[in-house]
């Protein structure tokens, strides 16, 4: 491995570790297919059976931040969703949410 390859691998690994912090989300499309969506809305498809990703980095380097980081992203996202579900809204939060939804619907008309 040369210096540039090592630097690329380190960069990919660092970026993979912060997918959640960078606003990426993961959706299971099928048992072996995942879709990772960037905070800008770009979708990247991971195939866990064939161990591939649809992003340009994977096509050029046979690895990418999505492929390296998907398991960690899935774990963190599941923990976050469980945390949200465990938090019962207070009466004030429920009123605020209802008011906001009604206001947004009225403005959309």
PDB file of N, CA and C in Angstrom:
ATOM      1  N   UNK A   1       0.862  -1.178   0.000  1.00  0.00           N
ATOM      2  CA  UNK A   1       0.000   0.000   0.000  1.00  0.00           C
ATOM      3  C   UNK A   1       0.897   1.227   0.000  1.00  0.00           C
ATOM      4  N   UNK A   2       0.615   2.148  -0.915  1.00  0.00           N
ATOM      5  CA  UNK A   2       1.415   3.363  -0.957  1.00  0.00           C
ATOM      6  C   UNK A   2       0.785   4.452  -0.073  1.00  0.00           C
ATOM      7  N   UNK A   3       1.465   5.571   0.047  1.00  0.00           N
ATOM      8  CA  UNK A   3       1.041   6.658   0.915  1.00  0.00           C
ATOM      9  C   UNK A   3      -0.340   7.187   0.535  1.00  0.00           C
ATOM     10  N   UNK A   4      -0.594   7.401  -0.754  1.00  0.00           N
ATOM     11  CA  UNK A   4      -1.885   7.948  -1.194  1.00  0.00           C
ATOM     12  C   UNK A   4      -3.028   6.987  -0.913  1.00  0.00           C
ATOM     13  N   UNK A   5      -2.789   5.695  -1.095  1.00  0.00           N
ATOM     14  CA  UNK A   5      -3.819   4.693  -0.805  1.00  0.00           C
ATOM     15  C   UNK A   5      -4.120   4.667   0.687  1.00  0.00           C
ATOM     16  N   UNK A   6      -3.084   4.734   1.498  1.00  0.00           N
ATOM     17  CA  UNK A   6      -3.266   4.744   2.958  1.00  0.00           C
ATOM     18  C   UNK A   6      -4.030   5.989   3.398  1.00  0.00           C
ATOM     19  N   UNK A   7      -3.705   7.116   2.817  1.00  0.00           N
ATOM     20  CA  UNK A   7      -4.405   8.351   3.161  1.00  0.00           C
ATOM     21  C   UNK A   7      -5.871   8.281   2.744  1.00  0.00           C
ATOM     22  N   UNK A   8      -6.151   7.736   1.561  1.00  0.00           N
ATOM     23  CA  UNK A   8      -7.524   7.566   1.097  1.00  0.00           C
ATOM     24  C   UNK A   8      -8.299   6.656   2.052  1.00  0.00           C
ATOM     25  N   UNK A   9      -7.707   5.534   2.435  1.00  0.00           N
ATOM     26  CA  UNK A   9      -8.367   4.597   3.346  1.00  0.00           C
ATOM     27  C   UNK A   9      -8.662   5.260   4.690  1.00  0.00           C
ATOM     28  N   UNK A  10      -7.729   6.030   5.211  1.00  0.00           N
ATOM     29  CA  UNK A  10      -7.934   6.723   6.489  1.00  0.00           C
ATOM     30  C   UNK A  10      -9.048   7.757   6.375  1.00  0.00           C
ATOM     31  N   UNK A  11      -9.078   8.467   5.265  1.00  0.00           N
ATOM     32  CA  UNK A  11     -10.124   9.464   5.037  1.00  0.00           C
ATOM     33  C   UNK A  11     -11.494   8.803   4.955  1.00  0.00           C
ATOM     34  N   UNK A  12     -11.593   7.705   4.224  1.00  0.00           N
ATOM     35  CA  UNK A  12     -12.867   6.990   4.092  1.00  0.00           C
ATOM     36  C   UNK A  12     -13.326   6.478   5.451  1.00  0.00           C
ATOM     37  N   UNK A  13     -12.414   5.904   6.226  1.00  0.00           N
ATOM     38  CA  UNK A  13     -12.768   5.372   7.548  1.00  0.00           C
ATOM     39  C   UNK A  13     -13.256   6.478   8.482  1.00  0.00           C
ATOM     40  N   UNK A  14     -12.603   7.627   8.458  1.00  0.00           N
ATOM     41  CA  UNK A  14     -13.019   8.748   9.310  1.00  0.00           C
ATOM     42  C   UNK A  14     -14.399   9.255   8.916  1.00  0.00           C
ATOM     43  N   UNK A  15     -14.653   9.346   7.623  1.00  0.00           N
ATOM     44  CA  UNK A  15     -15.959   9.805   7.144  1.00  0.00           C
ATOM     45  C   UNK A  15     -17.046   8.774   7.430  1.00  0.00           C
ATOM     46  N   UNK A  16     -16.701   7.493   7.367  1.00  0.00           N
ATOM     47  CA  UNK A  16     -17.662   6.427   7.673  1.00  0.00           C
ATOM     48  C   UNK A  16     -18.097   6.502   9.129  1.00  0.00           C
ATOM     49  N   UNK A  17     -17.182   6.854  10.013  1.00  0.00           N
ATOM     50  CA  UNK A  17     -17.481   6.904  11.442  1.00  0.00           C
ATOM     51  C   UNK A  17     -18.448   8.024  11.799  1.00  0.00           C
ATOM     52  N   UNK A  18     -18.569   9.018  10.932  1.00  0.00           N
ATOM     53  CA  UNK A  18     -19.455  10.140  11.272  1.00  0.00           C
ATOM     54  C   UNK A  18     -20.648  10.304  10.327  1.00  0.00           C
ATOM     55  N   UNK A  19     -21.095   9.205   9.713  1.00  0.00           N
ATOM     56  CA  UNK A  19     -22.261   9.294   8.828  1.00  0.00           C
ATOM     57  C   UNK A  19     -23.462   9.886   9.550  1.00  0.00           C
ATOM     58  N   UNK A  20     -23.761   9.408  10.759  1.00  0.00           N
ATOM     59  CA  UNK A  20     -24.911   9.897  11.516  1.00  0.00           C
ATOM     60  C   UNK A  20     -24.768  11.385  11.805  1.00  0.00           C
ATOM     61  N   UNK A  21     -23.600  11.784  12.285  1.00  0.00           N
ATOM     62  CA  UNK A  21     -23.358  13.192  12.614  1.00  0.00           C
ATOM     63  C   UNK A  21     -23.457  14.083  11.380  1.00  0.00           C
ATOM     64  N   UNK A  22     -23.143  13.535  10.215  1.00  0.00           N
ATOM     65  CA  UNK A  22     -23.206  14.303   8.970  1.00  0.00           C
ATOM     66  C   UNK A  22     -24.598  14.302   8.346  1.00  0.00           C
ATOM     67  N   UNK A  23     -25.572  13.694   9.024  1.00  0.00           N
ATOM     68  CA  UNK A  23     -26.960  13.770   8.571  1.00  0.00           C
ATOM     69  C   UNK A  23     -27.431  12.645   7.668  1.00  0.00           C
ATOM     70  N   UNK A  24     -26.681  11.572   7.577  1.00  0.00           N
ATOM     71  CA  UNK A  24     -27.092  10.432   6.747  1.00  0.00           C
ATOM     72  C   UNK A  24     -28.124   9.587   7.484  1.00  0.00           C
ATOM     73  N   UNK A  25     -29.023   8.968   6.727  1.00  0.00           N
ATOM     74  CA  UNK A  25     -30.006   8.049   7.290  1.00  0.00           C
ATOM     75  C   UNK A  25     -29.986   6.759   6.477  1.00  0.00           C
ATOM     76  N   UNK A  26     -30.479   5.700   7.096  1.00  0.00           N
ATOM     77  CA  UNK A  26     -30.470   4.391   6.468  1.00  0.00           C
ATOM     78  C   UNK A  26     -31.881   3.831   6.441  1.00  0.00           C
ATOM     79  N   UNK A  27     -32.255   3.250   5.311  1.00  0.00           N
ATOM     80  CA  UNK A  27     -33.553   2.591   5.150  1.00  0.00           C
ATOM     81  C   UNK A  27     -33.295   1.211   4.552  1.00  0.00           C
ATOM     82  N   UNK A  28     -33.947   0.210   5.112  1.00  0.00           N
ATOM     83  CA  UNK A  28     -33.847  -1.142   4.540  1.00  0.00           C
ATOM     84  C   UNK A  28     -34.858  -1.264   3.415  1.00  0.00           C
ATOM     85  N   UNK A  29     -34.362  -1.509   2.223  1.00  0.00           N
ATOM     86  CA  UNK A  29     -35.214  -1.677   1.047  1.00  0.00           C
ATOM     87  C   UNK A  29     -35.632  -3.143   0.907  1.00  0.00           C
ATOM     88  N   UNK A  30     -34.735  -4.044   1.236  1.00  0.00           N
ATOM     89  CA  UNK A  30     -34.974  -5.487   1.212  1.00  0.00           C
ATOM     90  C   UNK A  30     -33.986  -6.109   2.199  1.00  0.00           C
ATOM     91  N   UNK A  31     -34.044  -7.417   2.345  1.00  0.00           N
ATOM     92  CA  UNK A  31     -33.167  -8.076   3.313  1.00  0.00           C
ATOM     93  C   UNK A  31     -31.692  -7.760   3.066  1.00  0.00           C
ATOM     94  N   UNK A  32     -31.280  -7.771   1.804  1.00  0.00           N
ATOM     95  CA  UNK A  32     -29.879  -7.541   1.457  1.00  0.00           C
ATOM     96  C   UNK A  32     -29.620  -6.179   0.822  1.00  0.00           C
ATOM     97  N   UNK A  33     -30.618  -5.306   0.826  1.00  0.00           N
ATOM     98  CA  UNK A  33     -30.468  -4.017   0.166  1.00  0.00           C
ATOM     99  C   UNK A  33     -30.822  -2.887   1.119  1.00  0.00           C
ATOM    100  N   UNK A  34     -29.907  -1.947   1.233  1.00  0.00           N
ATOM    101  CA  UNK A  34     -30.098  -0.774   2.077  1.00  0.00           C
ATOM    102  C   UNK A  34     -29.978   0.471   1.213  1.00  0.00           C
ATOM    103  N   UNK A  35     -30.647   1.531   1.631  1.00  0.00           N
ATOM    104  CA  UNK A  35     -30.487   2.819   0.969  1.00  0.00           C
ATOM    105  C   UNK A  35     -29.998   3.801   2.020  1.00  0.00           C
ATOM    106  N   UNK A  36     -28.860   4.401   1.753  1.00  0.00           N
ATOM    107  CA  UNK A  36     -28.321   5.433   2.624  1.00  0.00           C
ATOM    108  C   UNK A  36     -28.566   6.757   1.922  1.00  0.00           C
ATOM    109  N   UNK A  37     -29.194   7.674   2.659  1.00  0.00           N
ATOM    110  CA  UNK A  37     -29.549   8.971   2.090  1.00  0.00           C
ATOM    111  C   UNK A  37     -28.730  10.059   2.766  1.00  0.00           C
ATOM    112  N   UNK A  38     -28.099  10.892   1.962  1.00  0.00           N
ATOM    113  CA  UNK A  38     -27.316  12.009   2.498  1.00  0.00           C
ATOM    114  C   UNK A  38     -28.261  13.106   2.964  1.00  0.00           C
ATOM    115  N   UNK A  39     -27.722  14.068   3.703  1.00  0.00           N
ATOM    116  CA  UNK A  39     -28.564  15.180   4.166  1.00  0.00           C
ATOM    117  C   UNK A  39     -29.031  16.054   3.007  1.00  0.00           C
ATOM    118  N   UNK A  40     -28.406  15.936   1.826  1.00  0.00           N
ATOM    119  CA  UNK A  40     -28.863  16.675   0.648  1.00  0.00           C
ATOM    120  C   UNK A  40     -29.922  15.899  -0.133  1.00  0.00           C
ATOM    121  N   UNK A  41     -30.157  14.627   0.252  1.00  0.00           N
ATOM    122  CA  UNK A  41     -31.177  13.825  -0.415  1.00  0.00           C
ATOM    123  C   UNK A  41     -30.657  12.856  -1.455  1.00  0.00           C
ATOM    124  N   UNK A  42     -29.344  12.732  -1.591  1.00  0.00           N
ATOM    125  CA  UNK A  42     -28.775  11.783  -2.533  1.00  0.00           C
ATOM    126  C   UNK A  42     -28.831  10.382  -1.938  1.00  0.00           C
ATOM    127  N   UNK A  43     -29.303   9.415  -2.727  1.00  0.00           N
ATOM    128  CA  UNK A  43     -29.430   8.034  -2.265  1.00  0.00           C
ATOM    129  C   UNK A  43     -28.284   7.183  -2.799  1.00  0.00           C
ATOM    130  N   UNK A  44     -27.763   6.320  -1.922  1.00  0.00           N
ATOM    131  CA  UNK A  44     -26.735   5.356  -2.283  1.00  0.00           C
ATOM    132  C   UNK A  44     -27.240   3.987  -1.868  1.00  0.00           C
ATOM    133  N   UNK A  45     -27.223   3.041  -2.786  1.00  0.00           N
ATOM    134  CA  UNK A  45     -27.743   1.709  -2.503  1.00  0.00           C
ATOM    135  C   UNK A  45     -26.605   0.759  -2.138  1.00  0.00           C
ATOM    136  N   UNK A  46     -26.752   0.133  -0.987  1.00  0.00           N
ATOM    137  CA  UNK A  46     -25.792  -0.858  -0.494  1.00  0.00           C
ATOM    138  C   UNK A  46     -26.392  -2.239  -0.720  1.00  0.00           C
ATOM    139  N   UNK A  47     -25.626  -3.133  -1.303  1.00  0.00           N
ATOM    140  CA  UNK A  47     -26.035  -4.526  -1.448  1.00  0.00           C
ATOM    141  C   UNK A  47     -25.156  -5.342  -0.503  1.00  0.00           C
ATOM    142  N   UNK A  48     -25.748  -5.826   0.599  1.00  0.00           N
ATOM    143  CA  UNK A  48     -24.962  -6.541   1.601  1.00  0.00           C
ATOM    144  C   UNK A  48     -24.598  -7.959   1.141  1.00  0.00           C
ATOM    145  N   UNK A  49     -25.325  -8.505   0.201  1.00  0.00           N
ATOM    146  CA  UNK A  49     -24.998  -9.830  -0.314  1.00  0.00           C
ATOM    147  C   UNK A  49     -23.750  -9.757  -1.203  1.00  0.00           C
ATOM    148  N   UNK A  50     -23.765  -8.844  -2.160  1.00  0.00           N
ATOM    149  CA  UNK A  50     -22.642  -8.689  -3.087  1.00  0.00           C
ATOM    150  C   UNK A  50     -21.568  -7.754  -2.545  1.00  0.00           C
ATOM    151  N   UNK A  51     -21.843  -7.125  -1.399  1.00  0.00           N
ATOM    152  CA  UNK A  51     -20.898  -6.207  -0.746  1.00  0.00           C
ATOM    153  C   UNK A  51     -20.479  -5.076  -1.679  1.00  0.00           C
ATOM    154  N   UNK A  52     -21.491  -4.344  -2.158  1.00  0.00           N
ATOM    155  CA  UNK A  52     -21.242  -3.231  -3.066  1.00  0.00           C
ATOM    156  C   UNK A  52     -22.023  -1.993  -2.628  1.00  0.00           C
ATOM    157  N   UNK A  53     -21.627  -0.869  -3.187  1.00  0.00           N
ATOM    158  CA  UNK A  53     -22.329   0.403  -2.995  1.00  0.00           C
ATOM    159  C   UNK A  53     -22.422   1.079  -4.359  1.00  0.00           C
ATOM    160  N   UNK A  54     -23.480   1.836  -4.557  1.00  0.00           N
ATOM    161  CA  UNK A  54     -23.693   2.481  -5.858  1.00  0.00           C
ATOM    162  C   UNK A  54     -22.964   3.817  -6.002  1.00  0.00           C
ATOM    163  N   UNK A  55     -22.229   4.246  -4.988  1.00  0.00           N
ATOM    164  CA  UNK A  55     -21.580   5.558  -5.063  1.00  0.00           C
ATOM    165  C   UNK A  55     -20.328   5.534  -5.947  1.00  0.00           C
ATOM    166  N   UNK A  56     -19.928   6.689  -6.450  1.00  0.00           N
ATOM    167  CA  UNK A  56     -18.733   6.770  -7.311  1.00  0.00           C
ATOM    168  C   UNK A  56     -17.447   6.316  -6.607  1.00  0.00           C
ATOM    169  N   UNK A  57     -17.318   6.609  -5.334  1.00  0.00           N
ATOM    170  CA  UNK A  57     -16.106   6.215  -4.607  1.00  0.00           C
ATOM    171  C   UNK A  57     -15.947   4.695  -4.616  1.00  0.00           C
ATOM    172  N   UNK A  58     -17.041   3.969  -4.387  1.00  0.00           N
ATOM    173  CA  UNK A  58     -16.959   2.507  -4.393  1.00  0.00           C
ATOM    174  C   UNK A  58     -16.598   2.000  -5.781  1.00  0.00           C
ATOM    175  N   UNK A  59     -17.186   2.600  -6.798  1.00  0.00           N
ATOM    176  CA  UNK A  59     -16.888   2.169  -8.176  1.00  0.00           C
ATOM    177  C   UNK A  59     -15.398   2.349  -8.509  1.00  0.00           C
ATOM    178  N   UNK A  60     -14.793   3.404  -7.955  1.00  0.00           N
ATOM    179  CA  UNK A  60     -13.385   3.695  -8.247  1.00  0.00           C
ATOM    180  C   UNK A  60     -12.405   2.988  -7.316  1.00  0.00           C
ATOM    181  N   UNK A  61     -12.842   2.668  -6.082  1.00  0.00           N
ATOM    182  CA  UNK A  61     -11.905   2.172  -5.075  1.00  0.00           C
ATOM    183  C   UNK A  61     -12.298   0.851  -4.418  1.00  0.00           C
ATOM    184  N   UNK A  62     -13.428   0.292  -4.804  1.00  0.00           N
ATOM    185  CA  UNK A  62     -13.944  -0.937  -4.191  1.00  0.00           C
ATOM    186  C   UNK A  62     -14.184  -0.807  -2.696  1.00  0.00           C
ATOM    187  N   UNK A  63     -14.352   0.402  -2.225  1.00  0.00           N
ATOM    188  CA  UNK A  63     -14.732   0.674  -0.839  1.00  0.00           C
ATOM    189  C   UNK A  63     -15.239   2.111  -0.770  1.00  0.00           C
ATOM    190  N   UNK A  64     -15.964   2.413   0.293  1.00  0.00           N
ATOM    191  CA  UNK A  64     -16.474   3.772   0.461  1.00  0.00           C
ATOM    192  C   UNK A  64     -16.962   3.945   1.900  1.00  0.00           C
ATOM    193  N   UNK A  65     -17.266   5.183   2.267  1.00  0.00           N
ATOM    194  CA  UNK A  65     -17.738   5.460   3.620  1.00  0.00           C
ATOM    195  C   UNK A  65     -19.085   4.803   3.891  1.00  0.00           C
ATOM    196  N   UNK A  66     -19.923   4.673   2.876  1.00  0.00           N
ATOM    197  CA  UNK A  66     -21.241   4.060   3.071  1.00  0.00           C
ATOM    198  C   UNK A  66     -21.092   2.578   3.415  1.00  0.00           C
ATOM    199  N   UNK A  67     -20.236   1.885   2.647  1.00  0.00           N
ATOM    200  CA  UNK A  67     -20.033   0.458   2.874  1.00  0.00           C
ATOM    201  C   UNK A  67     -19.390   0.209   4.240  1.00  0.00           C
ATOM    202  N   UNK A  68     -18.381   0.972   4.576  1.00  0.00           N
ATOM    203  CA  UNK A  68     -17.689   0.776   5.851  1.00  0.00           C
ATOM    204  C   UNK A  68     -18.581   1.176   7.028  1.00  0.00           C
ATOM    205  N   UNK A  69     -19.402   2.215   6.864  1.00  0.00           N
ATOM    206  CA  UNK A  69     -20.139   2.768   7.995  1.00  0.00           C
ATOM    207  C   UNK A  69     -21.591   2.358   8.150  1.00  0.00           C
ATOM    208  N   UNK A  70     -22.134   1.529   7.253  1.00  0.00           N
ATOM    209  CA  UNK A  70     -23.577   1.275   7.304  1.00  0.00           C
ATOM    210  C   UNK A  70     -24.016   0.563   8.574  1.00  0.00           C
ATOM    211  N   UNK A  71     -23.231  -0.374   9.085  1.00  0.00           N
ATOM    212  CA  UNK A  71     -23.636  -1.101  10.294  1.00  0.00           C
ATOM    213  C   UNK A  71     -23.703  -0.162  11.496  1.00  0.00           C
ATOM    214  N   UNK A  72     -22.718   0.692  11.622  1.00  0.00           N
ATOM    215  CA  UNK A  72     -22.715   1.662  12.724  1.00  0.00           C
ATOM    216  C   UNK A  72     -23.863   2.655  12.574  1.00  0.00           C
ATOM    217  N   UNK A  73     -24.111   3.123  11.354  1.00  0.00           N
ATOM    218  CA  UNK A  73     -25.222   4.038  11.102  1.00  0.00           C
ATOM    219  C   UNK A  73     -26.544   3.382  11.470  1.00  0.00           C
ATOM    220  N   UNK A  74     -26.727   2.140  11.082  1.00  0.00           N
ATOM    221  CA  UNK A  74     -27.968   1.422  11.391  1.00  0.00           C
ATOM    222  C   UNK A  74     -28.153   1.308  12.911  1.00  0.00           C
ATOM    223  N   UNK A  75     -27.079   0.989  13.626  1.00  0.00           N
ATOM    224  CA  UNK A  75     -27.133   0.842  15.080  1.00  0.00           C
ATOM    225  C   UNK A  75     -27.487   2.167  15.761  1.00  0.00           C
ATOM    226  N   UNK A  76     -26.793   3.231  15.405  1.00  0.00           N
ATOM    227  CA  UNK A  76     -27.042   4.541  16.016  1.00  0.00           C
ATOM    228  C   UNK A  76     -28.451   5.027  15.700  1.00  0.00           C
ATOM    229  N   UNK A  77     -28.879   4.866  14.456  1.00  0.00           N
ATOM    230  CA  UNK A  77     -30.210   5.312  14.061  1.00  0.00           C
ATOM    231  C   UNK A  77     -31.282   4.542  14.828  1.00  0.00           C
ATOM    232  N   UNK A  78     -31.115   3.241  14.993  1.00  0.00           N
ATOM    233  CA  UNK A  78     -32.091   2.430  15.744  1.00  0.00           C
ATOM    234  C   UNK A  78     -32.146   2.872  17.207  1.00  0.00           C
ATOM    235  N   UNK A  79     -30.987   3.148  17.802  1.00  0.00           N
ATOM    236  CA  UNK A  79     -30.952   3.634  19.191  1.00  0.00           C
ATOM    237  C   UNK A  79     -31.670   4.972  19.316  1.00  0.00           C
ATOM    238  N   UNK A  80     -31.451   5.859  18.360  1.00  0.00           N
ATOM    239  CA  UNK A  80     -32.096   7.164  18.378  1.00  0.00           C
ATOM    240  C   UNK A  80     -33.609   7.027  18.231  1.00  0.00           C
ATOM    241  N   UNK A  81     -34.045   6.200  17.298  1.00  0.00           N
ATOM    242  CA  UNK A  81     -35.486   6.000  17.093  1.00  0.00           C
ATOM    243  C   UNK A  81     -36.129   5.387  18.339  1.00  0.00           C
ATOM    244  N   UNK A  82     -35.439   4.445  18.981  1.00  0.00           N
ATOM    245  CA  UNK A  82     -35.966   3.845  20.207  1.00  0.00           C
ATOM    246  C   UNK A  82     -36.066   4.893  21.313  1.00  0.00           C
ATOM    247  N   UNK A  83     -35.069   5.753  21.394  1.00  0.00           N
ATOM    248  CA  UNK A  83     -35.097   6.836  22.384  1.00  0.00           C
ATOM    249  C   UNK A  83     -36.296   7.750  22.145  1.00  0.00           C
ATOM    250  N   UNK A  84     -36.542   8.107  20.895  1.00  0.00           N
ATOM    251  CA  UNK A  84     -37.686   8.972  20.587  1.00  0.00           C
ATOM    252  C   UNK A  84     -39.004   8.303  20.952  1.00  0.00           C
ATOM    253  N   UNK A  85     -39.113   7.014  20.665  1.00  0.00           N
ATOM    254  CA  UNK A  85     -40.345   6.292  20.968  1.00  0.00           C
ATOM    255  C   UNK A  85     -40.567   6.143  22.466  1.00  0.00           C
ATOM    256  N   UNK A  86     -39.491   6.124  23.229  1.00  0.00           N
ATOM    257  CA  UNK A  86     -39.624   5.957  24.678  1.00  0.00           C
ATOM    258  C   UNK A  86     -39.992   7.263  25.377  1.00  0.00           C
ATOM    259  N   UNK A  87     -39.913   8.358  24.677  1.00  0.00           N
ATOM    260  CA  UNK A  87     -40.208   9.666  25.259  1.00  0.00           C
ATOM    261  C   UNK A  87     -41.661  10.037  24.984  1.00  0.00           C
ATOM    262  N   UNK A  88     -42.491   9.948  26.008  1.00  0.00           N
ATOM    263  CA  UNK A  88     -43.891  10.355  25.856  1.00  0.00           C
ATOM    264  C   UNK A  88     -43.938  11.882  25.831  1.00  0.00           C
ATOM    265  N   UNK A  89     -44.659  12.451  24.875  1.00  0.00           N
ATOM    266  CA  UNK A  89     -44.725  13.918  24.818  1.00  0.00           C
ATOM    267  C   UNK A  89     -45.497  14.479  26.007  1.00  0.00           C
ATOM    268  N   UNK A  90     -45.041  15.626  26.485  1.00  0.00           N
ATOM    269  CA  UNK A  90     -45.765  16.304  27.558  1.00  0.00           C
ATOM    270  C   UNK A  90     -46.997  16.967  26.950  1.00  0.00           C
ATOM    271  N   UNK A  91     -47.880  17.433  27.804  1.00  0.00           N
ATOM    272  CA  UNK A  91     -49.095  18.096  27.330  1.00  0.00           C
ATOM    273  C   UNK A  91     -48.750  19.334  26.507  1.00  0.00           C
ATOM    274  N   UNK A  92     -47.750  20.094  26.938  1.00  0.00           N
ATOM    275  CA  UNK A  92     -47.337  21.297  26.203  1.00  0.00           C
ATOM    276  C   UNK A  92     -46.755  20.938  24.837  1.00  0.00           C
ATOM    277  N   UNK A  93     -45.927  19.862  24.765  1.00  0.00           N
ATOM    278  CA  UNK A  93     -45.350  19.445  23.496  1.00  0.00           C
ATOM    279  C   UNK A  93     -46.440  18.973  22.534  1.00  0.00           C
ATOM    280  N   UNK A  94     -47.415  18.254  23.070  1.00  0.00           N
ATOM    281  CA  UNK A  94     -48.519  17.764  22.242  1.00  0.00           C
ATOM    282  C   UNK A  94     -49.334  18.932  21.700  1.00  0.00           C
ATOM    283  N   UNK A  95     -49.612  19.942  22.548  1.00  0.00           N
ATOM    284  CA  UNK A  95     -50.332  21.130  22.103  1.00  0.00           C
ATOM    285  C   UNK A  95     -49.536  21.851  21.022  1.00  0.00           C
ATOM    286  N   UNK A  96     -48.224  22.004  21.249  1.00  0.00           N
ATOM    287  CA  UNK A  96     -47.371  22.689  20.271  1.00  0.00           C
ATOM    288  C   UNK A  96     -47.341  21.974  18.937  1.00  0.00           C
ATOM    289  N   UNK A  97     -47.252  20.651  18.960  1.00  0.00           N
ATOM    290  CA  UNK A  97     -47.222  19.871  17.728  1.00  0.00           C
ATOM    291  C   UNK A  97     -48.545  20.013  16.988  1.00  0.00           C
ATOM    292  N   UNK A  98     -49.665  19.922  17.712  1.00  0.00           N
ATOM    293  CA  UNK A  98     -50.984  20.045  17.089  1.00  0.00           C
ATOM    294  C   UNK A  98     -51.153  21.431  16.484  1.00  0.00           C
ATOM    295  N   UNK A  99     -50.756  22.468  17.217  1.00  0.00           N
ATOM    296  CA  UNK A  99     -50.866  23.839  16.715  1.00  0.00           C
ATOM    297  C   UNK A  99     -50.028  24.001  15.456  1.00  0.00           C
ATOM    298  N   UNK A 100     -48.793  23.500  15.481  1.00  0.00           N
ATOM    299  CA  UNK A 100     -47.903  23.625  14.332  1.00  0.00           C
ATOM    300  C   UNK A 100     -48.473  22.908  13.108  1.00  0.00           C
ATOM    301  N   UNK A 101     -48.975  21.689  13.305  1.00  0.00           N
ATOM    302  CA  UNK A 101     -49.529  20.934  12.178  1.00  0.00           C
ATOM    303  C   UNK A 101     -50.747  21.640  11.589  1.00  0.00           C
ATOM    304  N   UNK A 102     -51.615  22.189  12.430  1.00  0.00           N
ATOM    305  CA  UNK A 102     -52.784  22.923  11.941  1.00  0.00           C
ATOM    306  C   UNK A 102     -52.359  24.185  11.206  1.00  0.00           C
ATOM    307  N   UNK A 103     -51.389  24.880  11.749  1.00  0.00           N
ATOM    308  CA  UNK A 103     -50.890  26.127  11.127  1.00  0.00           C
ATOM    309  C   UNK A 103     -50.247  25.828   9.779  1.00  0.00           C
ATOM    310  N   UNK A 104     -49.451  24.768   9.717  1.00  0.00           N
ATOM    311  CA  UNK A 104     -48.796  24.402   8.455  1.00  0.00           C
ATOM    312  C   UNK A 104     -49.834  24.017   7.404  1.00  0.00           C
ATOM    313  N   UNK A 105     -50.875  23.296   7.812  1.00  0.00           N
ATOM    314  CA  UNK A 105     -51.912  22.901   6.876  1.00  0.00           C
ATOM    315  C   UNK A 105     -52.655  24.123   6.350  1.00  0.00           C
ATOM    316  N   UNK A 106     -52.927  25.078   7.235  1.00  0.00           N
ATOM    317  CA  UNK A 106     -53.625  26.302   6.830  1.00  0.00           C
ATOM    318  C   UNK A 106     -52.787  27.116   5.845  1.00  0.00           C
ATOM    319  N   UNK A 107     -51.494  27.194   6.091  1.00  0.00           N
ATOM    320  CA  UNK A 107     -50.598  27.969   5.205  1.00  0.00           C
ATOM    321  C   UNK A 107     -50.424  27.284   3.854  1.00  0.00           C
ATOM    322  N   UNK A 108     -50.571  25.977   3.825  1.00  0.00           N
ATOM    323  CA  UNK A 108     -50.398  25.231   2.580  1.00  0.00           C
ATOM    324  C   UNK A 108     -51.566  25.409   1.620  1.00  0.00           C
ATOM    325  N   UNK A 109     -52.675  25.847   2.148  1.00  0.00           N
ATOM    326  CA  UNK A 109     -53.870  25.998   1.286  1.00  0.00           C
ATOM    327  C   UNK A 109     -53.802  27.163   0.378  1.00  0.00           C
TER     328      UNK A 109
END
